[in-house]
Amino acid sequence: MTPGPSTAAAGKASAAAAALSEVRSGLTLGLGTGSTMRYFLDGLALALRDGGLTGIRGVPTSHDTETRARALGIPLVELHDAGRLDLAVDGADEFDPSLDLIKGLGGALLREKMVVQAADRFVVLVDPTKRVGRLGTRAPLPVEVVPFGWKAHIPFFREWGADPSLRMTAEGEPFLSDNGNLIVDLGFPGGIGNAGELDEALQRRAGIVESGLFLEVADRVLVGDADGVEVVDRKERP
């Protein structure tokens, strides 16, 4: 059964509260993008106002997160000025048993990945609907591409068994990322067969800026529902 809106909201709030309990004063945080992160930002701002946390700096992964964080009074810093981040917190569109992720339905995958690679630790907030046995089962894989010649990637995507579609806005215009690039969403009937091989192939192709495959980077996934939070930690791979 798919959780209703109130159940999903309760799960997101529970996961955000659990992530906030891992934040200590003086940390520099990577602040992700999406609906679940809004709960985290609200909780972080409240803790800062109440004095429960001090000396926090945040690096936002999107214009949306930056705008929200500034409105809430969360101190922000540029990624290049932050140095190493203590902790990155973000949502995900899917996670599998190995804690590999698909991210990017919000369009911030490139900046999210840059922030994650700068962080000592990465904690992911999700509700139970994001759990899958194989990546690509429920969510498409977002791929950010430069506008020049973007249609030339379509045959390449299809060679990998994908059904590609250009992301559009509600107004019927091509969606542009915060970086001014297009996003092609790749549907995979039955899921992605080998995410590692696909990730490597996407990284090698000129014109592809980044993909929403976040492999071997999540340290902990917090799965929130109305009854509480399940904590899933990464196991070392052989």
C-alpha atoms as a PDB file:
ATOM      1  CA  MET A   1       0.000   0.000   0.000  1.00  0.00           C
ATOM      2  CA  THR A   2       1.306   3.451  -0.925  1.00  0.00           C
ATOM      3  CA  PRO A   3       1.379   5.830   2.046  1.00  0.00           C
ATOM      4  CA  GLY A   4      -1.068   8.741   1.904  1.00  0.00           C
ATOM      5  CA  PRO A   5       0.088  12.354   1.984  1.00  0.00           C
ATOM      6  CA  SER A   6      -0.169  12.677   5.759  1.00  0.00           C
ATOM      7  CA  THR A   7       1.743   9.419   6.318  1.00  0.00           C
ATOM      8  CA  ALA A   8       4.480  10.432   3.885  1.00  0.00           C
ATOM      9  CA  ALA A   9       4.790  13.835   5.542  1.00  0.00           C
ATOM     10  CA  ALA A  10       5.082  12.209   8.972  1.00  0.00           C
ATOM     11  CA  GLY A  11       7.827   9.935   7.651  1.00  0.00           C
ATOM     12  CA  LYS A  12       9.779  12.825   6.193  1.00  0.00           C
ATOM     13  CA  ALA A  13       9.472  14.768   9.425  1.00  0.00           C
ATOM     14  CA  SER A  14      10.655  11.761  11.459  1.00  0.00           C
ATOM     15  CA  ALA A  15      13.676  11.196   9.208  1.00  0.00           C
ATOM     16  CA  ALA A  16      14.578  14.895   9.331  1.00  0.00           C
ATOM     17  CA  ALA A  17      14.396  14.919  13.132  1.00  0.00           C
ATOM     18  CA  ALA A  18      16.647  11.847  13.301  1.00  0.00           C
ATOM     19  CA  ALA A  19      19.193  13.518  11.021  1.00  0.00           C
ATOM     20  CA  LEU A  20      19.107  16.679  13.090  1.00  0.00           C
ATOM     21  CA  SER A  21      20.057  14.668  16.170  1.00  0.00           C
ATOM     22  CA  GLU A  22      23.385  13.894  14.460  1.00  0.00           C
ATOM     23  CA  VAL A  23      24.255  17.581  14.070  1.00  0.00           C
ATOM     24  CA  ARG A  24      26.599  19.152  16.605  1.00  0.00           C
ATOM     25  CA  SER A  25      27.548  22.786  17.142  1.00  0.00           C
ATOM     26  CA  GLY A  26      30.358  24.054  14.962  1.00  0.00           C
ATOM     27  CA  LEU A  27      29.737  21.706  12.047  1.00  0.00           C
ATOM     28  CA  THR A  28      29.797  22.683   8.392  1.00  0.00           C
ATOM     29  CA  LEU A  29      26.865  21.000   6.656  1.00  0.00           C
ATOM     30  CA  GLY A  30      25.953  20.180   3.093  1.00  0.00           C
ATOM     31  CA  LEU A  31      22.290  21.106   2.704  1.00  0.00           C
ATOM     32  CA  GLY A  32      20.438  19.047   0.126  1.00  0.00           C
ATOM     33  CA  THR A  33      17.391  19.830  -1.966  1.00  0.00           C
ATOM     34  CA  GLY A  34      13.808  18.561  -1.942  1.00  0.00           C
ATOM     35  CA  SER A  35      10.668  18.189   0.116  1.00  0.00           C
ATOM     36  CA  THR A  36      12.242  16.116   2.897  1.00  0.00           C
ATOM     37  CA  MET A  37      15.055  18.625   3.316  1.00  0.00           C
ATOM     38  CA  ARG A  38      12.514  21.344   4.045  1.00  0.00           C
ATOM     39  CA  TYR A  39      11.718  19.592   7.326  1.00  0.00           C
ATOM     40  CA  PHE A  40      15.423  19.385   8.140  1.00  0.00           C
ATOM     41  CA  LEU A  41      15.976  23.079   7.353  1.00  0.00           C
ATOM     42  CA  ASP A  42      13.037  24.062   9.549  1.00  0.00           C
ATOM     43  CA  GLY A  43      14.376  21.986  12.432  1.00  0.00           C
ATOM     44  CA  LEU A  44      17.911  23.301  11.985  1.00  0.00           C
ATOM     45  CA  ALA A  45      16.705  26.901  11.978  1.00  0.00           C
ATOM     46  CA  LEU A  46      14.682  26.320  15.151  1.00  0.00           C
ATOM     47  CA  ALA A  47      17.697  24.785  16.912  1.00  0.00           C
ATOM     48  CA  LEU A  48      19.818  27.780  15.911  1.00  0.00           C
ATOM     49  CA  ARG A  49      17.215  30.269  17.145  1.00  0.00           C
ATOM     50  CA  ASP A  50      16.803  28.422  20.450  1.00  0.00           C
ATOM     51  CA  GLY A  51      20.558  28.184  20.992  1.00  0.00           C
ATOM     52  CA  GLY A  52      20.586  24.406  20.900  1.00  0.00           C
ATOM     53  CA  LEU A  53      23.077  24.627  18.056  1.00  0.00           C
ATOM     54  CA  THR A  54      25.689  27.304  17.424  1.00  0.00           C
ATOM     55  CA  GLY A  55      28.457  27.924  14.926  1.00  0.00           C
ATOM     56  CA  ILE A  56      26.714  26.056  12.109  1.00  0.00           C
ATOM     57  CA  ARG A  57      27.572  26.810   8.484  1.00  0.00           C
ATOM     58  CA  GLY A  58      25.675  25.382   5.530  1.00  0.00           C
ATOM     59  CA  VAL A  59      26.535  24.829   1.877  1.00  0.00           C
ATOM     60  CA  PRO A  60      23.314  24.757  -0.202  1.00  0.00           C
ATOM     61  CA  THR A  61      22.971  22.476  -3.223  1.00  0.00           C
ATOM     62  CA  SER A  62      20.435  24.593  -5.129  1.00  0.00           C
ATOM     63  CA  HIS A  63      18.992  28.065  -5.487  1.00  0.00           C
ATOM     64  CA  ASP A  64      15.846  26.793  -3.776  1.00  0.00           C
ATOM     65  CA  THR A  65      17.731  25.546  -0.710  1.00  0.00           C
ATOM     66  CA  GLU A  66      19.802  28.735  -0.592  1.00  0.00           C
ATOM     67  CA  THR A  67      16.668  30.895  -0.640  1.00  0.00           C
ATOM     68  CA  ARG A  68      14.959  28.829   2.062  1.00  0.00           C
ATOM     69  CA  ALA A  69      18.036  28.706   4.285  1.00  0.00           C
ATOM     70  CA  ARG A  70      18.587  32.460   4.085  1.00  0.00           C
ATOM     71  CA  ALA A  71      14.935  33.129   4.884  1.00  0.00           C
ATOM     72  CA  LEU A  72      15.268  30.877   7.953  1.00  0.00           C
ATOM     73  CA  GLY A  73      18.450  32.588   9.130  1.00  0.00           C
ATOM     74  CA  ILE A  74      20.791  29.632   8.548  1.00  0.00           C
ATOM     75  CA  PRO A  75      24.359  30.890   7.949  1.00  0.00           C
ATOM     76  CA  LEU A  76      25.663  29.885   4.519  1.00  0.00           C
ATOM     77  CA  VAL A  77      29.101  29.618   2.955  1.00  0.00           C
ATOM     78  CA  GLU A  78      30.345  28.906  -0.568  1.00  0.00           C
ATOM     79  CA  LEU A  79      31.604  25.391  -1.249  1.00  0.00           C
ATOM     80  CA  HIS A  80      35.067  26.630  -2.201  1.00  0.00           C
ATOM     81  CA  ASP A  81      35.331  28.564   1.087  1.00  0.00           C
ATOM     82  CA  ALA A  82      34.023  25.762   3.291  1.00  0.00           C
ATOM     83  CA  GLY A  83      36.902  23.300   3.004  1.00  0.00           C
ATOM     84  CA  ARG A  84      35.885  19.781   3.988  1.00  0.00           C
ATOM     85  CA  LEU A  85      32.284  19.441   5.114  1.00  0.00           C
ATOM     86  CA  ASP A  86      31.582  17.522   8.300  1.00  0.00           C
ATOM     87  CA  LEU A  87      28.237  16.161   7.170  1.00  0.00           C
ATOM     88  CA  ALA A  88      26.010  16.275   4.085  1.00  0.00           C
ATOM     89  CA  VAL A  89      22.283  15.695   4.522  1.00  0.00           C
ATOM     90  CA  ASP A  90      19.941  15.110   1.591  1.00  0.00           C
ATOM     91  CA  GLY A  91      17.012  13.091   0.334  1.00  0.00           C
ATOM     92  CA  ALA A  92      16.932  10.451  -2.401  1.00  0.00           C
ATOM     93  CA  ASP A  93      14.502   9.221  -5.020  1.00  0.00           C
ATOM     94  CA  GLU A  94      15.519   5.558  -4.580  1.00  0.00           C
ATOM     95  CA  PHE A  95      17.878   3.510  -2.448  1.00  0.00           C
ATOM     96  CA  ASP A  96      18.751  -0.158  -2.834  1.00  0.00           C
ATOM     97  CA  PRO A  97      19.998  -2.769  -0.334  1.00  0.00           C
ATOM     98  CA  SER A  98      23.611  -1.595  -0.842  1.00  0.00           C
ATOM     99  CA  LEU A  99      22.573   2.006  -0.083  1.00  0.00           C
ATOM    100  CA  ASP A 100      23.254   3.056  -3.661  1.00  0.00           C
ATOM    101  CA  LEU A 101      20.969   5.879  -4.709  1.00  0.00           C
ATOM    102  CA  ILE A 102      19.173   7.595  -7.530  1.00  0.00           C
ATOM    103  CA  LYS A 103      18.872  11.329  -6.946  1.00  0.00           C
ATOM    104  CA  GLY A 104      18.021  14.325  -9.062  1.00  0.00           C
ATOM    105  CA  LEU A 105      14.278  14.442  -9.620  1.00  0.00           C
ATOM    106  CA  GLY A 106      14.524  17.928  -8.138  1.00  0.00           C
ATOM    107  CA  GLY A 107      17.098  18.852 -10.755  1.00  0.00           C
ATOM    108  CA  ALA A 108      20.035  19.539  -8.398  1.00  0.00           C
ATOM    109  CA  LEU A 109      22.043  16.351  -9.000  1.00  0.00           C
ATOM    110  CA  LEU A 110      25.296  18.018 -10.087  1.00  0.00           C
ATOM    111  CA  ARG A 111      25.568  20.360  -7.130  1.00  0.00           C
ATOM    112  CA  GLU A 112      24.357  17.653  -4.780  1.00  0.00           C
ATOM    113  CA  LYS A 113      27.127  15.328  -5.941  1.00  0.00           C
ATOM    114  CA  MET A 114      29.767  18.067  -5.620  1.00  0.00           C
ATOM    115  CA  VAL A 115      28.694  18.684  -2.034  1.00  0.00           C
ATOM    116  CA  VAL A 116      28.588  14.985  -1.178  1.00  0.00           C
ATOM    117  CA  GLN A 117      32.121  14.406  -2.480  1.00  0.00           C
ATOM    118  CA  ALA A 118      33.344  17.233  -0.231  1.00  0.00           C
ATOM    119  CA  ALA A 119      31.724  15.741   2.887  1.00  0.00           C
ATOM    120  CA  ASP A 120      33.248  13.400   5.449  1.00  0.00           C
ATOM    121  CA  ARG A 121      29.866  11.775   5.996  1.00  0.00           C
ATOM    122  CA  PHE A 122      26.609  11.567   4.007  1.00  0.00           C
ATOM    123  CA  VAL A 123      23.224  10.879   5.632  1.00  0.00           C
ATOM    124  CA  VAL A 124      20.144  10.314   3.472  1.00  0.00           C
ATOM    125  CA  LEU A 125      16.536  11.021   4.497  1.00  0.00           C
ATOM    126  CA  VAL A 126      13.736   9.019   2.867  1.00  0.00           C
ATOM    127  CA  ASP A 127      10.293   7.580   3.387  1.00  0.00           C
ATOM    128  CA  PRO A 128       9.635   3.854   2.818  1.00  0.00           C
ATOM    129  CA  THR A 129       8.439   4.352  -0.774  1.00  0.00           C
ATOM    130  CA  LYS A 130      12.032   5.081  -1.812  1.00  0.00           C
ATOM    131  CA  ARG A 131      13.264   1.565  -0.967  1.00  0.00           C
ATOM    132  CA  VAL A 132      13.797  -0.643  -4.047  1.00  0.00           C
ATOM    133  CA  GLY A 133      15.430  -3.965  -4.776  1.00  0.00           C
ATOM    134  CA  ARG A 134      17.090  -2.566  -7.910  1.00  0.00           C
ATOM    135  CA  LEU A 135      17.788   1.020  -8.894  1.00  0.00           C
ATOM    136  CA  GLY A 136      15.570   2.410 -11.626  1.00  0.00           C
ATOM    137  CA  THR A 137      12.613   0.249 -10.647  1.00  0.00           C
ATOM    138  CA  ARG A 138      10.356   3.163  -9.667  1.00  0.00           C
ATOM    139  CA  ALA A 139      12.213   6.386 -10.452  1.00  0.00           C
ATOM    140  CA  PRO A 140      13.811   7.454 -13.730  1.00  0.00           C
ATOM    141  CA  LEU A 141      17.518   8.186 -13.782  1.00  0.00           C
ATOM    142  CA  PRO A 142      18.143  11.918 -14.345  1.00  0.00           C
ATOM    143  CA  VAL A 143      21.088  12.787 -16.589  1.00  0.00           C
ATOM    144  CA  GLU A 144      22.229  16.402 -16.888  1.00  0.00           C
ATOM    145  CA  VAL A 145      23.487  17.276 -20.380  1.00  0.00           C
ATOM    146  CA  VAL A 146      24.752  20.443 -22.047  1.00  0.00           C
ATOM    147  CA  PRO A 147      22.195  21.901 -24.481  1.00  0.00           C
ATOM    148  CA  PHE A 148      24.554  21.669 -27.469  1.00  0.00           C
ATOM    149  CA  GLY A 149      23.779  18.550 -29.493  1.00  0.00           C
ATOM    150  CA  TRP A 150      21.817  16.955 -26.698  1.00  0.00           C
ATOM    151  CA  LYS A 151      19.734  14.828 -29.055  1.00  0.00           C
ATOM    152  CA  ALA A 152      22.912  13.045 -30.125  1.00  0.00           C
ATOM    153  CA  HIS A 153      22.829  11.244 -26.758  1.00  0.00           C
ATOM    154  CA  ILE A 154      19.450   9.604 -27.406  1.00  0.00           C
ATOM    155  CA  PRO A 155      20.785   6.596 -29.399  1.00  0.00           C
ATOM    156  CA  PHE A 156      23.490   6.114 -26.765  1.00  0.00           C
ATOM    157  CA  PHE A 157      20.921   6.051 -23.974  1.00  0.00           C
ATOM    158  CA  ARG A 158      18.806   3.551 -25.891  1.00  0.00           C
ATOM    159  CA  GLU A 159      21.810   1.275 -26.358  1.00  0.00           C
ATOM    160  CA  TRP A 160      21.799   0.924 -22.571  1.00  0.00           C
ATOM    161  CA  GLY A 161      18.156  -0.130 -22.589  1.00  0.00           C
ATOM    162  CA  ALA A 162      16.804   3.238 -21.492  1.00  0.00           C
ATOM    163  CA  ASP A 163      13.692   5.057 -22.584  1.00  0.00           C
ATOM    164  CA  PRO A 164      14.903   8.694 -22.599  1.00  0.00           C
ATOM    165  CA  SER A 165      12.711  11.781 -22.331  1.00  0.00           C
ATOM    166  CA  LEU A 166      13.657  15.440 -22.067  1.00  0.00           C
ATOM    167  CA  ARG A 167      12.412  16.937 -18.813  1.00  0.00           C
ATOM    168  CA  MET A 168       9.871  19.709 -19.375  1.00  0.00           C
ATOM    169  CA  THR A 169       8.381  22.371 -17.132  1.00  0.00           C
ATOM    170  CA  ALA A 170       4.679  22.696 -16.348  1.00  0.00           C
ATOM    171  CA  GLU A 171       4.617  25.481 -18.945  1.00  0.00           C
ATOM    172  CA  GLY A 172       5.848  23.109 -21.643  1.00  0.00           C
ATOM    173  CA  GLU A 173       9.384  24.504 -21.845  1.00  0.00           C
ATOM    174  CA  PRO A 174      12.595  22.467 -21.431  1.00  0.00           C
ATOM    175  CA  PHE A 175      13.576  22.310 -17.768  1.00  0.00           C
ATOM    176  CA  LEU A 176      16.902  24.006 -17.060  1.00  0.00           C
ATOM    177  CA  SER A 177      19.046  23.102 -14.065  1.00  0.00           C
ATOM    178  CA  ASP A 178      20.568  25.797 -11.860  1.00  0.00           C
ATOM    179  CA  ASN A 179      23.630  25.359 -14.080  1.00  0.00           C
ATOM    180  CA  GLY A 180      21.714  26.156 -17.274  1.00  0.00           C
ATOM    181  CA  ASN A 181      21.771  22.579 -18.547  1.00  0.00           C
ATOM    182  CA  LEU A 182      19.043  20.221 -19.753  1.00  0.00           C
ATOM    183  CA  ILE A 183      17.994  17.043 -17.954  1.00  0.00           C
ATOM    184  CA  VAL A 184      17.109  13.836 -19.750  1.00  0.00           C
ATOM    185  CA  ASP A 185      15.214  11.326 -17.609  1.00  0.00           C
ATOM    186  CA  LEU A 186      16.007   7.699 -18.391  1.00  0.00           C
ATOM    187  CA  GLY A 187      13.336   5.090 -17.728  1.00  0.00           C
ATOM    188  CA  PHE A 188      14.503   1.492 -17.369  1.00  0.00           C
ATOM    189  CA  PRO A 189      11.803  -1.168 -17.682  1.00  0.00           C
ATOM    190  CA  GLY A 190      12.642  -3.660 -14.948  1.00  0.00           C
ATOM    191  CA  GLY A 191      15.340  -1.426 -13.450  1.00  0.00           C
ATOM    192  CA  ILE A 192      19.026  -0.815 -14.176  1.00  0.00           C
ATOM    193  CA  GLY A 193      20.899  -4.036 -14.838  1.00  0.00           C
ATOM    194  CA  ASN A 194      24.392  -2.910 -13.795  1.00  0.00           C
ATOM    195  CA  ALA A 195      24.459   0.536 -12.236  1.00  0.00           C
ATOM    196  CA  GLY A 196      28.244   0.581 -11.912  1.00  0.00           C
ATOM    197  CA  GLU A 197      28.864  -0.079 -15.603  1.00  0.00           C
ATOM    198  CA  LEU A 198      26.233   2.449 -16.621  1.00  0.00           C
ATOM    199  CA  ASP A 199      27.734   5.060 -14.320  1.00  0.00           C
ATOM    200  CA  GLU A 200      31.175   4.587 -15.849  1.00  0.00           C
ATOM    201  CA  ALA A 201      29.782   4.813 -19.389  1.00  0.00           C
ATOM    202  CA  LEU A 202      27.930   8.031 -18.593  1.00  0.00           C
ATOM    203  CA  GLN A 203      31.037   9.563 -17.035  1.00  0.00           C
ATOM    204  CA  ARG A 204      33.090   8.830 -20.159  1.00  0.00           C
ATOM    205  CA  ARG A 205      30.690  10.443 -22.630  1.00  0.00           C
ATOM    206  CA  ALA A 206      31.391  14.048 -23.640  1.00  0.00           C
ATOM    207  CA  GLY A 207      28.376  16.325 -23.287  1.00  0.00           C
ATOM    208  CA  ILE A 208      27.019  14.489 -20.273  1.00  0.00           C
ATOM    209  CA  VAL A 209      27.651  16.659 -17.238  1.00  0.00           C
ATOM    210  CA  GLU A 210      26.493  14.309 -14.468  1.00  0.00           C
ATOM    211  CA  SER A 211      24.032  11.533 -13.693  1.00  0.00           C
ATOM    212  CA  GLY A 212      21.784  10.870 -10.725  1.00  0.00           C
ATOM    213  CA  LEU A 213      23.599   7.650  -9.802  1.00  0.00           C
ATOM    214  CA  PHE A 214      25.082   8.118  -6.328  1.00  0.00           C
ATOM    215  CA  LEU A 215      27.003   4.896  -5.812  1.00  0.00           C
ATOM    216  CA  GLU A 216      28.945   3.917  -2.675  1.00  0.00           C
ATOM    217  CA  VAL A 217      28.624   7.356  -1.099  1.00  0.00           C
ATOM    218  CA  ALA A 218      25.769   7.102   1.428  1.00  0.00           C
ATOM    219  CA  ASP A 219      26.947   6.262   4.943  1.00  0.00           C
ATOM    220  CA  ARG A 220      23.498   6.061   6.525  1.00  0.00           C
ATOM    221  CA  VAL A 221      19.905   6.047   5.319  1.00  0.00           C
ATOM    222  CA  LEU A 222      17.167   7.154   7.703  1.00  0.00           C
ATOM    223  CA  VAL A 223      13.836   5.654   6.666  1.00  0.00           C
ATOM    224  CA  GLY A 224      11.059   7.558   8.372  1.00  0.00           C
ATOM    225  CA  ASP A 225       7.410   6.617   8.677  1.00  0.00           C
ATOM    226  CA  ALA A 226       4.555   7.475  11.013  1.00  0.00           C
ATOM    227  CA  ASP A 227       5.818   4.931  13.579  1.00  0.00           C
ATOM    228  CA  GLY A 228       9.415   6.118  13.751  1.00  0.00           C
ATOM    229  CA  VAL A 229      12.743   5.802  11.936  1.00  0.00           C
ATOM    230  CA  GLU A 230      14.681   2.813  10.666  1.00  0.00           C
ATOM    231  CA  VAL A 231      18.432   3.392  10.606  1.00  0.00           C
ATOM    232  CA  VAL A 232      20.271   1.579   7.813  1.00  0.00           C
ATOM    233  CA  ASP A 233      24.070   1.856   7.799  1.00  0.00           C
ATOM    234  CA  ARG A 234      26.375   0.988   4.935  1.00  0.00           C
ATOM    235  CA  LYS A 235      28.086  -2.364   5.192  1.00  0.00           C
ATOM    236  CA  GLU A 236      31.639  -2.695   3.998  1.00  0.00           C
ATOM    237  CA  ARG A 237      31.772  -4.393   0.617  1.00  0.00           C
ATOM    238  CA  PRO A 238      34.094  -7.368   0.150  1.00  0.00           C
END
